[in-house]
Amino acid sequence: MADQKRREETGKACEIELRVSGMSCQGCEQALSMALRQHDAVESAQADARSGVVRVTVKRDVDASELKERIYAAGYDVE
C-alpha cells in the first residue's frame, strides 16, 4: 500500500508509517497518538504535525484499516 510503509521488524513488533493530514500543532500530535495507542495491538504511536507522518509500533499484525478508522475518528485524514 502506498499510504502504509513497514519500516522495520524486530521480533513481533513492527513499525508502520502513515501519512496523515489535518494536524497543525502539538495538541493534534498528542490527540492522534493517544487515539492510536488505545488500540490493543499498538505498542506506541508518535505523530509529527510538521512532516504529516505518524509512526505506529504494533505488537502483532494489524490491518491498516483498523488504524485508519481511529485516525478518521480523531478528526484527521489518511492519505
C-alpha atoms as a PDB file:
ATOM      1  CA  MET A   1       0.000   0.000   0.000  1.00  0.00           C
ATOM      2  CA  ALA A   2       1.273   3.470  -0.810  1.00  0.00           C
ATOM      3  CA  ASP A   3      -0.027   5.028   2.424  1.00  0.00           C
ATOM      4  CA  GLN A   4       1.418   2.361   4.667  1.00  0.00           C
ATOM      5  CA  LYS A   5       5.110   1.684   4.954  1.00  0.00           C
ATOM      6  CA  ARG A   6       6.517  -1.007   7.173  1.00  0.00           C
ATOM      7  CA  ARG A   7       9.884   0.300   8.253  1.00  0.00           C
ATOM      8  CA  GLU A   8      11.398  -2.363  10.420  1.00  0.00           C
ATOM      9  CA  GLU A   9      10.554  -5.678  12.001  1.00  0.00           C
ATOM     10  CA  THR A  10      12.119  -6.838  15.235  1.00  0.00           C
ATOM     11  CA  GLY A  11      10.601  -9.937  16.724  1.00  0.00           C
ATOM     12  CA  LYS A  12       6.855  -9.469  16.684  1.00  0.00           C
ATOM     13  CA  ALA A  13       6.912  -5.672  16.875  1.00  0.00           C
ATOM     14  CA  CYS A  14       6.636  -3.827  13.586  1.00  0.00           C
ATOM     15  CA  GLU A  15       6.671  -0.104  12.819  1.00  0.00           C
ATOM     16  CA  ILE A  16       4.069   1.261  10.411  1.00  0.00           C
ATOM     17  CA  GLU A  17       4.312   4.758   8.941  1.00  0.00           C
ATOM     18  CA  LEU A  18       1.146   6.532   7.799  1.00  0.00           C
ATOM     19  CA  ARG A  19       0.778   9.926   6.092  1.00  0.00           C
ATOM     20  CA  VAL A  20      -1.850  11.976   7.906  1.00  0.00           C
ATOM     21  CA  SER A  21      -3.271  15.382   7.029  1.00  0.00           C
ATOM     22  CA  GLY A  22      -5.058  17.842   9.276  1.00  0.00           C
ATOM     23  CA  MET A  23      -2.532  18.009  12.133  1.00  0.00           C
ATOM     24  CA  SER A  24      -1.389  21.550  12.830  1.00  0.00           C
ATOM     25  CA  CYS A  25       0.012  21.644  16.357  1.00  0.00           C
ATOM     26  CA  GLN A  26       1.404  19.713  19.296  1.00  0.00           C
ATOM     27  CA  GLY A  27      -2.115  19.200  20.638  1.00  0.00           C
ATOM     28  CA  CYS A  28      -3.048  17.457  17.389  1.00  0.00           C
ATOM     29  CA  GLU A  29       0.014  15.235  17.676  1.00  0.00           C
ATOM     30  CA  GLN A  30      -0.915  14.245  21.226  1.00  0.00           C
ATOM     31  CA  ALA A  31      -4.577  13.629  20.429  1.00  0.00           C
ATOM     32  CA  LEU A  32      -3.782  11.428  17.448  1.00  0.00           C
ATOM     33  CA  SER A  33      -1.061   9.491  19.271  1.00  0.00           C
ATOM     34  CA  MET A  34      -3.399   8.860  22.209  1.00  0.00           C
ATOM     35  CA  ALA A  35      -6.236   7.708  19.916  1.00  0.00           C
ATOM     36  CA  LEU A  36      -3.941   5.188  18.230  1.00  0.00           C
ATOM     37  CA  ARG A  37      -2.440   3.922  21.499  1.00  0.00           C
ATOM     38  CA  GLN A  38      -5.931   2.902  22.641  1.00  0.00           C
ATOM     39  CA  HIS A  39      -5.880   0.077  20.065  1.00  0.00           C
ATOM     40  CA  ASP A  40      -4.862  -3.151  21.816  1.00  0.00           C
ATOM     41  CA  ALA A  41      -2.262  -4.029  19.147  1.00  0.00           C
ATOM     42  CA  VAL A  42      -0.491  -0.654  19.348  1.00  0.00           C
ATOM     43  CA  GLU A  43       2.637  -0.539  21.475  1.00  0.00           C
ATOM     44  CA  SER A  44       3.476   3.101  20.714  1.00  0.00           C
ATOM     45  CA  ALA A  45       2.431   5.907  18.393  1.00  0.00           C
ATOM     46  CA  GLN A  46       4.197   9.143  17.577  1.00  0.00           C
ATOM     47  CA  ALA A  47       2.662  11.808  15.360  1.00  0.00           C
ATOM     48  CA  ASP A  48       4.593  14.685  13.775  1.00  0.00           C
ATOM     49  CA  ALA A  49       2.485  17.603  12.533  1.00  0.00           C
ATOM     50  CA  ARG A  50       5.363  19.173  10.581  1.00  0.00           C
ATOM     51  CA  SER A  51       6.014  16.126   8.412  1.00  0.00           C
ATOM     52  CA  GLY A  52       2.428  14.859   8.445  1.00  0.00           C
ATOM     53  CA  VAL A  53       3.601  11.406   9.483  1.00  0.00           C
ATOM     54  CA  VAL A  54       2.535   9.127  12.294  1.00  0.00           C
ATOM     55  CA  ARG A  55       4.748   6.181  13.243  1.00  0.00           C
ATOM     56  CA  VAL A  56       2.963   3.318  14.933  1.00  0.00           C
ATOM     57  CA  THR A  57       4.686   0.343  16.539  1.00  0.00           C
ATOM     58  CA  VAL A  58       2.385  -2.658  16.732  1.00  0.00           C
ATOM     59  CA  LYS A  59       2.819  -5.786  18.858  1.00  0.00           C
ATOM     60  CA  ARG A  60       1.157  -8.060  16.304  1.00  0.00           C
ATOM     61  CA  ASP A  61      -0.172  -7.982  12.779  1.00  0.00           C
ATOM     62  CA  VAL A  62      -2.965  -5.477  12.440  1.00  0.00           C
ATOM     63  CA  ASP A  63      -4.997  -4.435   9.422  1.00  0.00           C
ATOM     64  CA  ALA A  64      -4.116  -0.864   8.456  1.00  0.00           C
ATOM     65  CA  SER A  65      -7.843  -0.119   8.081  1.00  0.00           C
ATOM     66  CA  GLU A  66      -8.223  -0.515  11.868  1.00  0.00           C
ATOM     67  CA  LEU A  67      -5.602   2.181  12.459  1.00  0.00           C
ATOM     68  CA  LYS A  68      -7.100   4.393   9.754  1.00  0.00           C
ATOM     69  CA  GLU A  69     -10.529   4.164  11.402  1.00  0.00           C
ATOM     70  CA  ARG A  70      -9.033   5.532  14.623  1.00  0.00           C
ATOM     71  CA  ILE A  71      -7.325   8.345  12.707  1.00  0.00           C
ATOM     72  CA  TYR A  72     -10.591   9.294  10.968  1.00  0.00           C
ATOM     73  CA  ALA A  73     -12.488   9.101  14.284  1.00  0.00           C
ATOM     74  CA  ALA A  74      -9.950  11.512  15.810  1.00  0.00           C
ATOM     75  CA  GLY A  75     -10.747  14.007  13.032  1.00  0.00           C
ATOM     76  CA  TYR A  76      -7.778  13.555  10.676  1.00  0.00           C
ATOM     77  CA  ASP A  77      -7.379  12.194   7.141  1.00  0.00           C
ATOM     78  CA  VAL A  78      -5.055   9.445   5.967  1.00  0.00           C
ATOM     79  CA  GLU A  79      -3.537   9.832   2.520  1.00  0.00           C
END
